[in-house]
């Protein structure tokens, strides 16, 4: 099955963080807690139902965007009723217990 979800990064809503990102990776979409990596930052997601329906639009380059901006024209793409809310997580290297015990 194929479906569209809205991705939320609440800690970064009022920043230009996403406009400066170079790379991203999204894994585990079929799990309860997908992981999103944006450059060197990691985020853990949780699925939520939305209140109402999200409308998705695309610009001339066929990029899905969450809202309209006055300087571009968009066409309707699809709807969705799910979102993934991502919170920042910090990762630690896993210690090799065999080397520590020697």
PDB file of N, CA and C in Angstrom:
ATOM      1  N   UNK A   1       0.826  -1.195   0.000  1.00  0.00           N
ATOM      2  CA  UNK A   1       0.000   0.000   0.000  1.00  0.00           C
ATOM      3  C   UNK A   1       0.868   1.256   0.000  1.00  0.00           C
ATOM      4  N   UNK A   2       0.375   2.269  -0.610  1.00  0.00           N
ATOM      5  CA  UNK A   2       1.083   3.548  -0.671  1.00  0.00           C
ATOM      6  C   UNK A   2       0.204   4.622  -0.060  1.00  0.00           C
ATOM      7  N   UNK A   3       0.805   5.453   0.814  1.00  0.00           N
ATOM      8  CA  UNK A   3       0.057   6.546   1.409  1.00  0.00           C
ATOM      9  C   UNK A   3       0.993   7.700   1.709  1.00  0.00           C
ATOM     10  N   UNK A   4       0.421   8.866   1.906  1.00  0.00           N
ATOM     11  CA  UNK A   4       1.182  10.081   2.166  1.00  0.00           C
ATOM     12  C   UNK A   4       1.020  10.460   3.629  1.00  0.00           C
ATOM     13  N   UNK A   5       2.125  10.816   4.277  1.00  0.00           N
ATOM     14  CA  UNK A   5       2.077  11.281   5.663  1.00  0.00           C
ATOM     15  C   UNK A   5       2.755  12.640   5.753  1.00  0.00           C
ATOM     16  N   UNK A   6       2.298  13.421   6.686  1.00  0.00           N
ATOM     17  CA  UNK A   6       2.907  14.712   6.979  1.00  0.00           C
ATOM     18  C   UNK A   6       4.020  14.485   7.988  1.00  0.00           C
ATOM     19  N   UNK A   7       5.177  15.065   7.755  1.00  0.00           N
ATOM     20  CA  UNK A   7       6.294  14.956   8.687  1.00  0.00           C
ATOM     21  C   UNK A   7       6.393  16.254   9.465  1.00  0.00           C
ATOM     22  N   UNK A   8       6.399  16.135  10.803  1.00  0.00           N
ATOM     23  CA  UNK A   8       6.530  17.296  11.673  1.00  0.00           C
ATOM     24  C   UNK A   8       7.859  17.254  12.407  1.00  0.00           C
ATOM     25  N   UNK A   9       8.536  18.373  12.427  1.00  0.00           N
ATOM     26  CA  UNK A   9       9.744  18.578  13.226  1.00  0.00           C
ATOM     27  C   UNK A   9       9.484  19.803  14.110  1.00  0.00           C
ATOM     28  N   UNK A  10       8.741  19.634  15.211  1.00  0.00           N
ATOM     29  CA  UNK A  10       8.284  20.794  15.985  1.00  0.00           C
ATOM     30  C   UNK A  10       9.408  21.666  16.534  1.00  0.00           C
ATOM     31  N   UNK A  11      10.555  21.094  16.846  1.00  0.00           N
ATOM     32  CA  UNK A  11      11.656  21.892  17.388  1.00  0.00           C
ATOM     33  C   UNK A  11      12.331  22.755  16.336  1.00  0.00           C
ATOM     34  N   UNK A  12      11.996  22.552  15.071  1.00  0.00           N
ATOM     35  CA  UNK A  12      12.659  23.270  13.983  1.00  0.00           C
ATOM     36  C   UNK A  12      11.683  24.048  13.104  1.00  0.00           C
ATOM     37  N   UNK A  13      10.453  24.240  13.562  1.00  0.00           N
ATOM     38  CA  UNK A  13       9.437  24.908  12.740  1.00  0.00           C
ATOM     39  C   UNK A  13       9.783  26.354  12.418  1.00  0.00           C
ATOM     40  N   UNK A  14      10.379  27.066  13.346  1.00  0.00           N
ATOM     41  CA  UNK A  14      10.655  28.490  13.155  1.00  0.00           C
ATOM     42  C   UNK A  14      12.114  28.765  12.814  1.00  0.00           C
ATOM     43  N   UNK A  15      12.768  27.798  12.186  1.00  0.00           N
ATOM     44  CA  UNK A  15      14.176  27.975  11.817  1.00  0.00           C
ATOM     45  C   UNK A  15      14.343  27.708  10.323  1.00  0.00           C
ATOM     46  N   UNK A  16      15.513  28.007   9.811  1.00  0.00           N
ATOM     47  CA  UNK A  16      15.821  27.703   8.410  1.00  0.00           C
ATOM     48  C   UNK A  16      16.612  26.402   8.296  1.00  0.00           C
ATOM     49  N   UNK A  17      16.506  25.559   9.299  1.00  0.00           N
ATOM     50  CA  UNK A  17      17.243  24.300   9.365  1.00  0.00           C
ATOM     51  C   UNK A  17      17.077  23.458   8.099  1.00  0.00           C
ATOM     52  N   UNK A  18      15.847  23.263   7.644  1.00  0.00           N
ATOM     53  CA  UNK A  18      15.608  22.388   6.491  1.00  0.00           C
ATOM     54  C   UNK A  18      16.123  22.968   5.182  1.00  0.00           C
ATOM     55  N   UNK A  19      16.215  24.281   5.078  1.00  0.00           N
ATOM     56  CA  UNK A  19      16.697  24.879   3.830  1.00  0.00           C
ATOM     57  C   UNK A  19      18.206  24.723   3.665  1.00  0.00           C
ATOM     58  N   UNK A  20      18.918  24.434   4.755  1.00  0.00           N
ATOM     59  CA  UNK A  20      20.368  24.296   4.681  1.00  0.00           C
ATOM     60  C   UNK A  20      20.829  22.839   4.696  1.00  0.00           C
ATOM     61  N   UNK A  21      19.919  21.892   4.764  1.00  0.00           N
ATOM     62  CA  UNK A  21      20.278  20.473   4.844  1.00  0.00           C
ATOM     63  C   UNK A  21      20.783  19.965   3.503  1.00  0.00           C
ATOM     64  N   UNK A  22      21.767  19.089   3.576  1.00  0.00           N
ATOM     65  CA  UNK A  22      22.348  18.505   2.372  1.00  0.00           C
ATOM     66  C   UNK A  22      21.850  17.091   2.106  1.00  0.00           C
ATOM     67  N   UNK A  23      21.713  16.272   3.161  1.00  0.00           N
ATOM     68  CA  UNK A  23      21.360  14.859   3.008  1.00  0.00           C
ATOM     69  C   UNK A  23      20.319  14.457   4.038  1.00  0.00           C
ATOM     70  N   UNK A  24      19.482  13.488   3.657  1.00  0.00           N
ATOM     71  CA  UNK A  24      18.557  12.925   4.625  1.00  0.00           C
ATOM     72  C   UNK A  24      18.342  11.449   4.320  1.00  0.00           C
ATOM     73  N   UNK A  25      17.924  10.730   5.351  1.00  0.00           N
ATOM     74  CA  UNK A  25      17.618   9.311   5.214  1.00  0.00           C
ATOM     75  C   UNK A  25      16.459   9.000   6.151  1.00  0.00           C
ATOM     76  N   UNK A  26      15.508   8.231   5.672  1.00  0.00           N
ATOM     77  CA  UNK A  26      14.335   7.866   6.452  1.00  0.00           C
ATOM     78  C   UNK A  26      14.213   6.352   6.425  1.00  0.00           C
ATOM     79  N   UNK A  27      14.298   5.729   7.603  1.00  0.00           N
ATOM     80  CA  UNK A  27      14.215   4.273   7.671  1.00  0.00           C
ATOM     81  C   UNK A  27      13.128   3.854   8.650  1.00  0.00           C
ATOM     82  N   UNK A  28      12.603   2.666   8.444  1.00  0.00           N
ATOM     83  CA  UNK A  28      11.632   2.103   9.364  1.00  0.00           C
ATOM     84  C   UNK A  28      10.243   2.679   9.253  1.00  0.00           C
ATOM     85  N   UNK A  29       9.826   3.110   8.070  1.00  0.00           N
ATOM     86  CA  UNK A  29       8.475   3.652   7.917  1.00  0.00           C
ATOM     87  C   UNK A  29       7.403   2.625   8.263  1.00  0.00           C
ATOM     88  N   UNK A  30       7.730   1.354   8.186  1.00  0.00           N
ATOM     89  CA  UNK A  30       6.764   0.309   8.509  1.00  0.00           C
ATOM     90  C   UNK A  30       6.834  -0.114   9.979  1.00  0.00           C
ATOM     91  N   UNK A  31       7.550   0.651  10.805  1.00  0.00           N
ATOM     92  CA  UNK A  31       7.652   0.375  12.237  1.00  0.00           C
ATOM     93  C   UNK A  31       6.915   1.471  13.015  1.00  0.00           C
ATOM     94  N   UNK A  32       6.614   1.232  14.285  1.00  0.00           N
ATOM     95  CA  UNK A  32       5.933   2.265  15.080  1.00  0.00           C
ATOM     96  C   UNK A  32       6.759   3.534  15.295  1.00  0.00           C
ATOM     97  N   UNK A  33       8.094   3.418  15.215  1.00  0.00           N
ATOM     98  CA  UNK A  33       8.956   4.563  15.471  1.00  0.00           C
ATOM     99  C   UNK A  33      10.037   4.686  14.398  1.00  0.00           C
ATOM    100  N   UNK A  34       9.695   5.285  13.249  1.00  0.00           N
ATOM    101  CA  UNK A  34      10.705   5.454  12.195  1.00  0.00           C
ATOM    102  C   UNK A  34      11.819   6.402  12.643  1.00  0.00           C
ATOM    103  N   UNK A  35      12.956   6.279  11.993  1.00  0.00           N
ATOM    104  CA  UNK A  35      14.124   7.120  12.292  1.00  0.00           C
ATOM    105  C   UNK A  35      14.417   7.986  11.074  1.00  0.00           C
ATOM    106  N   UNK A  36      14.617   9.264  11.324  1.00  0.00           N
ATOM    107  CA  UNK A  36      14.959  10.227  10.289  1.00  0.00           C
ATOM    108  C   UNK A  36      16.337  10.785  10.601  1.00  0.00           C
ATOM    109  N   UNK A  37      17.239  10.745   9.626  1.00  0.00           N
ATOM    110  CA  UNK A  37      18.544  11.372   9.763  1.00  0.00           C
ATOM    111  C   UNK A  37      18.610  12.523   8.774  1.00  0.00           C
ATOM    112  N   UNK A  38      18.900  13.702   9.289  1.00  0.00           N
ATOM    113  CA  UNK A  38      19.105  14.882   8.443  1.00  0.00           C
ATOM    114  C   UNK A  38      20.507  15.389   8.746  1.00  0.00           C
ATOM    115  N   UNK A  39      21.373  15.273   7.756  1.00  0.00           N
ATOM    116  CA  UNK A  39      22.798  15.559   7.929  1.00  0.00           C
ATOM    117  C   UNK A  39      23.309  14.759   9.128  1.00  0.00           C
ATOM    118  N   UNK A  40      23.800  15.406  10.179  1.00  0.00           N
ATOM    119  CA  UNK A  40      24.334  14.673  11.327  1.00  0.00           C
ATOM    120  C   UNK A  40      23.365  14.597  12.502  1.00  0.00           C
ATOM    121  N   UNK A  41      22.102  14.956  12.304  1.00  0.00           N
ATOM    122  CA  UNK A  41      21.093  14.938  13.365  1.00  0.00           C
ATOM    123  C   UNK A  41      20.139  13.756  13.153  1.00  0.00           C
ATOM    124  N   UNK A  42      19.740  13.125  14.263  1.00  0.00           N
ATOM    125  CA  UNK A  42      18.839  11.987  14.216  1.00  0.00           C
ATOM    126  C   UNK A  42      17.543  12.315  14.952  1.00  0.00           C
ATOM    127  N   UNK A  43      16.416  11.775  14.435  1.00  0.00           N
ATOM    128  CA  UNK A  43      15.096  12.029  14.989  1.00  0.00           C
ATOM    129  C   UNK A  43      14.330  10.714  15.067  1.00  0.00           C
ATOM    130  N   UNK A  44      13.555  10.554  16.146  1.00  0.00           N
ATOM    131  CA  UNK A  44      12.702   9.368  16.323  1.00  0.00           C
ATOM    132  C   UNK A  44      11.257   9.810  16.145  1.00  0.00           C
ATOM    133  N   UNK A  45      10.521   9.097  15.303  1.00  0.00           N
ATOM    134  CA  UNK A  45       9.164   9.490  14.985  1.00  0.00           C
ATOM    135  C   UNK A  45       8.106   8.652  15.662  1.00  0.00           C
ATOM    136  N   UNK A  46       6.938   9.252  15.793  1.00  0.00           N
ATOM    137  CA  UNK A  46       5.754   8.581  16.309  1.00  0.00           C
ATOM    138  C   UNK A  46       4.579   8.938  15.406  1.00  0.00           C
ATOM    139  N   UNK A  47       3.822   7.928  14.991  1.00  0.00           N
ATOM    140  CA  UNK A  47       2.655   8.163  14.138  1.00  0.00           C
ATOM    141  C   UNK A  47       1.503   8.741  14.953  1.00  0.00           C
ATOM    142  N   UNK A  48       0.759   9.659  14.329  1.00  0.00           N
ATOM    143  CA  UNK A  48      -0.430  10.250  14.927  1.00  0.00           C
ATOM    144  C   UNK A  48      -1.494  10.413  13.846  1.00  0.00           C
ATOM    145  N   UNK A  49      -2.759  10.329  14.263  1.00  0.00           N
ATOM    146  CA  UNK A  49      -3.851  10.704  13.368  1.00  0.00           C
ATOM    147  C   UNK A  49      -3.963  12.217  13.393  1.00  0.00           C
ATOM    148  N   UNK A  50      -4.268  12.818  12.264  1.00  0.00           N
ATOM    149  CA  UNK A  50      -4.436  14.267  12.223  1.00  0.00           C
ATOM    150  C   UNK A  50      -5.870  14.634  12.576  1.00  0.00           C
ATOM    151  N   UNK A  51      -6.059  15.860  12.986  1.00  0.00           N
ATOM    152  CA  UNK A  51      -7.403  16.378  13.185  1.00  0.00           C
ATOM    153  C   UNK A  51      -7.817  16.948  11.840  1.00  0.00           C
ATOM    154  N   UNK A  52      -8.753  16.313  11.186  1.00  0.00           N
ATOM    155  CA  UNK A  52      -9.125  16.721   9.836  1.00  0.00           C
ATOM    156  C   UNK A  52      -8.235  16.041   8.813  1.00  0.00           C
ATOM    157  N   UNK A  53      -8.174  16.633   7.643  1.00  0.00           N
ATOM    158  CA  UNK A  53      -7.426  16.061   6.522  1.00  0.00           C
ATOM    159  C   UNK A  53      -6.347  17.035   6.079  1.00  0.00           C
ATOM    160  N   UNK A  54      -5.143  16.534   5.882  1.00  0.00           N
ATOM    161  CA  UNK A  54      -4.067  17.349   5.316  1.00  0.00           C
ATOM    162  C   UNK A  54      -4.223  17.388   3.809  1.00  0.00           C
ATOM    163  N   UNK A  55      -4.048  18.554   3.238  1.00  0.00           N
ATOM    164  CA  UNK A  55      -4.050  18.717   1.788  1.00  0.00           C
ATOM    165  C   UNK A  55      -2.616  18.931   1.340  1.00  0.00           C
ATOM    166  N   UNK A  56      -2.177  18.195   0.338  1.00  0.00           N
ATOM    167  CA  UNK A  56      -0.829  18.319  -0.187  1.00  0.00           C
ATOM    168  C   UNK A  56      -0.893  18.885  -1.594  1.00  0.00           C
ATOM    169  N   UNK A  57       0.018  19.815  -1.872  1.00  0.00           N
ATOM    170  CA  UNK A  57       0.096  20.464  -3.172  1.00  0.00           C
ATOM    171  C   UNK A  57       1.491  20.264  -3.720  1.00  0.00           C
ATOM    172  N   UNK A  58       1.637  20.378  -5.033  1.00  0.00           N
ATOM    173  CA  UNK A  58       2.960  20.282  -5.630  1.00  0.00           C
ATOM    174  C   UNK A  58       3.188  21.445  -6.578  1.00  0.00           C
ATOM    175  N   UNK A  59       4.461  21.833  -6.666  1.00  0.00           N
ATOM    176  CA  UNK A  59       4.814  22.926  -7.561  1.00  0.00           C
ATOM    177  C   UNK A  59       5.186  22.370  -8.926  1.00  0.00           C
ATOM    178  N   UNK A  60       5.749  23.176  -9.772  1.00  0.00           N
ATOM    179  CA  UNK A  60       6.081  22.745 -11.134  1.00  0.00           C
ATOM    180  C   UNK A  60       7.131  21.646 -11.176  1.00  0.00           C
ATOM    181  N   UNK A  61       7.927  21.506 -10.110  1.00  0.00           N
ATOM    182  CA  UNK A  61       8.943  20.460 -10.065  1.00  0.00           C
ATOM    183  C   UNK A  61       8.415  19.184  -9.423  1.00  0.00           C
ATOM    184  N   UNK A  62       7.105  19.083  -9.165  1.00  0.00           N
ATOM    185  CA  UNK A  62       6.455  17.905  -8.576  1.00  0.00           C
ATOM    186  C   UNK A  62       6.948  17.603  -7.174  1.00  0.00           C
ATOM    187  N   UNK A  63       7.274  18.614  -6.401  1.00  0.00           N
ATOM    188  CA  UNK A  63       7.688  18.440  -5.025  1.00  0.00           C
ATOM    189  C   UNK A  63       6.495  18.664  -4.117  1.00  0.00           C
ATOM    190  N   UNK A  64       6.205  17.696  -3.245  1.00  0.00           N
ATOM    191  CA  UNK A  64       5.100  17.880  -2.305  1.00  0.00           C
ATOM    192  C   UNK A  64       5.479  18.953  -1.291  1.00  0.00           C
ATOM    193  N   UNK A  65       4.579  19.882  -1.052  1.00  0.00           N
ATOM    194  CA  UNK A  65       4.811  20.948  -0.084  1.00  0.00           C
ATOM    195  C   UNK A  65       3.604  21.040   0.844  1.00  0.00           C
ATOM    196  N   UNK A  66       3.814  21.381   2.135  1.00  0.00           N
ATOM    197  CA  UNK A  66       2.707  21.378   3.080  1.00  0.00           C
ATOM    198  C   UNK A  66       1.802  22.598   3.023  1.00  0.00           C
ATOM    199  N   UNK A  67       2.230  23.699   2.437  1.00  0.00           N
ATOM    200  CA  UNK A  67       1.382  24.884   2.430  1.00  0.00           C
ATOM    201  C   UNK A  67       1.687  25.735   1.207  1.00  0.00           C
ATOM    202  N   UNK A  68       0.829  26.703   0.961  1.00  0.00           N
ATOM    203  CA  UNK A  68       1.000  27.581  -0.196  1.00  0.00           C
ATOM    204  C   UNK A  68       1.860  28.787   0.161  1.00  0.00           C
ATOM    205  N   UNK A  69       2.632  29.253  -0.806  1.00  0.00           N
ATOM    206  CA  UNK A  69       3.347  30.515  -0.661  1.00  0.00           C
ATOM    207  C   UNK A  69       2.880  31.419  -1.784  1.00  0.00           C
ATOM    208  N   UNK A  70       2.809  32.729  -1.529  1.00  0.00           N
ATOM    209  CA  UNK A  70       2.218  33.621  -2.522  1.00  0.00           C
ATOM    210  C   UNK A  70       2.993  33.769  -3.824  1.00  0.00           C
ATOM    211  N   UNK A  71       4.288  33.454  -3.846  1.00  0.00           N
ATOM    212  CA  UNK A  71       5.075  33.712  -5.053  1.00  0.00           C
ATOM    213  C   UNK A  71       5.140  32.526  -6.021  1.00  0.00           C
ATOM    214  N   UNK A  72       4.442  31.432  -5.748  1.00  0.00           N
ATOM    215  CA  UNK A  72       4.456  30.276  -6.641  1.00  0.00           C
ATOM    216  C   UNK A  72       3.037  29.782  -6.864  1.00  0.00           C
ATOM    217  N   UNK A  73       2.864  29.036  -7.940  1.00  0.00           N
ATOM    218  CA  UNK A  73       1.573  28.404  -8.214  1.00  0.00           C
ATOM    219  C   UNK A  73       1.693  26.906  -7.930  1.00  0.00           C
ATOM    220  N   UNK A  74       0.697  26.362  -7.292  1.00  0.00           N
ATOM    221  CA  UNK A  74       0.680  24.955  -6.921  1.00  0.00           C
ATOM    222  C   UNK A  74      -0.588  24.291  -7.424  1.00  0.00           C
ATOM    223  N   UNK A  75      -0.504  22.985  -7.623  1.00  0.00           N
ATOM    224  CA  UNK A  75      -1.689  22.213  -7.974  1.00  0.00           C
ATOM    225  C   UNK A  75      -1.914  21.165  -6.887  1.00  0.00           C
ATOM    226  N   UNK A  76      -3.157  20.790  -6.710  1.00  0.00           N
ATOM    227  CA  UNK A  76      -3.518  19.803  -5.705  1.00  0.00           C
ATOM    228  C   UNK A  76      -2.887  18.460  -6.056  1.00  0.00           C
ATOM    229  N   UNK A  77      -2.301  17.779  -5.043  1.00  0.00           N
ATOM    230  CA  UNK A  77      -1.666  16.482  -5.274  1.00  0.00           C
ATOM    231  C   UNK A  77      -2.439  15.343  -4.626  1.00  0.00           C
ATOM    232  N   UNK A  78      -2.739  15.468  -3.326  1.00  0.00           N
ATOM    233  CA  UNK A  78      -3.416  14.379  -2.629  1.00  0.00           C
ATOM    234  C   UNK A  78      -3.811  14.820  -1.221  1.00  0.00           C
ATOM    235  N   UNK A  79      -4.417  13.893  -0.475  1.00  0.00           N
ATOM    236  CA  UNK A  79      -4.788  14.161   0.914  1.00  0.00           C
ATOM    237  C   UNK A  79      -4.166  13.104   1.807  1.00  0.00           C
ATOM    238  N   UNK A  80      -4.138  13.375   3.096  1.00  0.00           N
ATOM    239  CA  UNK A  80      -3.625  12.421   4.067  1.00  0.00           C
ATOM    240  C   UNK A  80      -4.232  12.658   5.432  1.00  0.00           C
ATOM    241  N   UNK A  81      -4.287  11.611   6.227  1.00  0.00           N
ATOM    242  CA  UNK A  81      -4.850  11.727   7.568  1.00  0.00           C
ATOM    243  C   UNK A  81      -3.888  11.247   8.647  1.00  0.00           C
ATOM    244  N   UNK A  82      -2.644  11.012   8.286  1.00  0.00           N
ATOM    245  CA  UNK A  82      -1.619  10.578   9.246  1.00  0.00           C
ATOM    246  C   UNK A  82      -0.465  11.562   9.235  1.00  0.00           C
ATOM    247  N   UNK A  83       0.210  11.641  10.379  1.00  0.00           N
ATOM    248  CA  UNK A  83       1.444  12.430  10.447  1.00  0.00           C
ATOM    249  C   UNK A  83       2.446  11.680  11.307  1.00  0.00           C
ATOM    250  N   UNK A  84       3.716  11.987  11.069  1.00  0.00           N
ATOM    251  CA  UNK A  84       4.794  11.460  11.902  1.00  0.00           C
ATOM    252  C   UNK A  84       5.445  12.661  12.570  1.00  0.00           C
ATOM    253  N   UNK A  85       5.401  12.656  13.887  1.00  0.00           N
ATOM    254  CA  UNK A  85       6.018  13.741  14.662  1.00  0.00           C
ATOM    255  C   UNK A  85       7.397  13.252  15.101  1.00  0.00           C
ATOM    256  N   UNK A  86       8.440  13.963  14.656  1.00  0.00           N
ATOM    257  CA  UNK A  86       9.815  13.573  14.946  1.00  0.00           C
ATOM    258  C   UNK A  86      10.400  14.442  16.048  1.00  0.00           C
ATOM    259  N   UNK A  87      11.043  13.783  17.010  1.00  0.00           N
ATOM    260  CA  UNK A  87      11.747  14.456  18.105  1.00  0.00           C
ATOM    261  C   UNK A  87      13.230  14.123  17.983  1.00  0.00           C
ATOM    262  N   UNK A  88      14.074  15.065  18.284  1.00  0.00           N
ATOM    263  CA  UNK A  88      15.530  14.879  18.191  1.00  0.00           C
ATOM    264  C   UNK A  88      15.993  13.857  19.210  1.00  0.00           C
ATOM    265  N   UNK A  89      16.878  12.974  18.793  1.00  0.00           N
ATOM    266  CA  UNK A  89      17.504  12.014  19.697  1.00  0.00           C
ATOM    267  C   UNK A  89      19.013  12.138  19.554  1.00  0.00           C
ATOM    268  N   UNK A  90      19.723  11.784  20.609  1.00  0.00           N
ATOM    269  CA  UNK A  90      21.178  11.771  20.583  1.00  0.00           C
ATOM    270  C   UNK A  90      21.634  10.321  20.641  1.00  0.00           C
ATOM    271  N   UNK A  91      22.542   9.963  19.775  1.00  0.00           N
ATOM    272  CA  UNK A  91      23.044   8.599  19.709  1.00  0.00           C
ATOM    273  C   UNK A  91      24.404   8.504  20.363  1.00  0.00           C
ATOM    274  N   UNK A  92      24.635   7.372  21.033  1.00  0.00           N
ATOM    275  CA  UNK A  92      25.938   7.097  21.628  1.00  0.00           C
ATOM    276  C   UNK A  92      26.505   5.865  20.948  1.00  0.00           C
ATOM    277  N   UNK A  93      27.811   5.822  20.812  1.00  0.00           N
ATOM    278  CA  UNK A  93      28.436   4.629  20.256  1.00  0.00           C
ATOM    279  C   UNK A  93      28.258   3.473  21.223  1.00  0.00           C
ATOM    280  N   UNK A  94      27.989   2.324  20.651  1.00  0.00           N
ATOM    281  CA  UNK A  94      27.820   1.124  21.453  1.00  0.00           C
ATOM    282  C   UNK A  94      29.197   0.629  21.876  1.00  0.00           C
ATOM    283  N   UNK A  95      29.370   0.386  23.182  1.00  0.00           N
ATOM    284  CA  UNK A  95      30.650  -0.113  23.681  1.00  0.00           C
ATOM    285  C   UNK A  95      30.805  -1.581  23.379  1.00  0.00           C
ATOM    286  N   UNK A  96      32.010  -1.977  23.069  1.00  0.00           N
ATOM    287  CA  UNK A  96      32.311  -3.380  22.827  1.00  0.00           C
ATOM    288  C   UNK A  96      32.612  -4.019  24.181  1.00  0.00           C
ATOM    289  N   UNK A  97      31.678  -4.772  24.752  1.00  0.00           N
ATOM    290  CA  UNK A  97      31.822  -5.318  26.095  1.00  0.00           C
ATOM    291  C   UNK A  97      32.955  -6.339  26.177  1.00  0.00           C
ATOM    292  N   UNK A  98      33.291  -7.012  25.079  1.00  0.00           N
ATOM    293  CA  UNK A  98      34.395  -7.976  25.099  1.00  0.00           C
ATOM    294  C   UNK A  98      35.726  -7.273  25.355  1.00  0.00           C
ATOM    295  N   UNK A  99      35.939  -6.139  24.726  1.00  0.00           N
ATOM    296  CA  UNK A  99      37.195  -5.412  24.901  1.00  0.00           C
ATOM    297  C   UNK A  99      37.287  -4.788  26.283  1.00  0.00           C
ATOM    298  N   UNK A 100      36.154  -4.408  26.867  1.00  0.00           N
ATOM    299  CA  UNK A 100      36.165  -3.790  28.192  1.00  0.00           C
ATOM    300  C   UNK A 100      36.512  -4.811  29.275  1.00  0.00           C
ATOM    301  N   UNK A 101      36.150  -6.078  29.083  1.00  0.00           N
ATOM    302  CA  UNK A 101      36.384  -7.102  30.087  1.00  0.00           C
ATOM    303  C   UNK A 101      37.785  -7.697  30.017  1.00  0.00           C
ATOM    304  N   UNK A 102      38.595  -7.344  29.029  1.00  0.00           N
ATOM    305  CA  UNK A 102      39.930  -7.916  28.888  1.00  0.00           C
ATOM    306  C   UNK A 102      40.964  -7.058  29.561  1.00  0.00           C
TER     307      UNK A 102
END
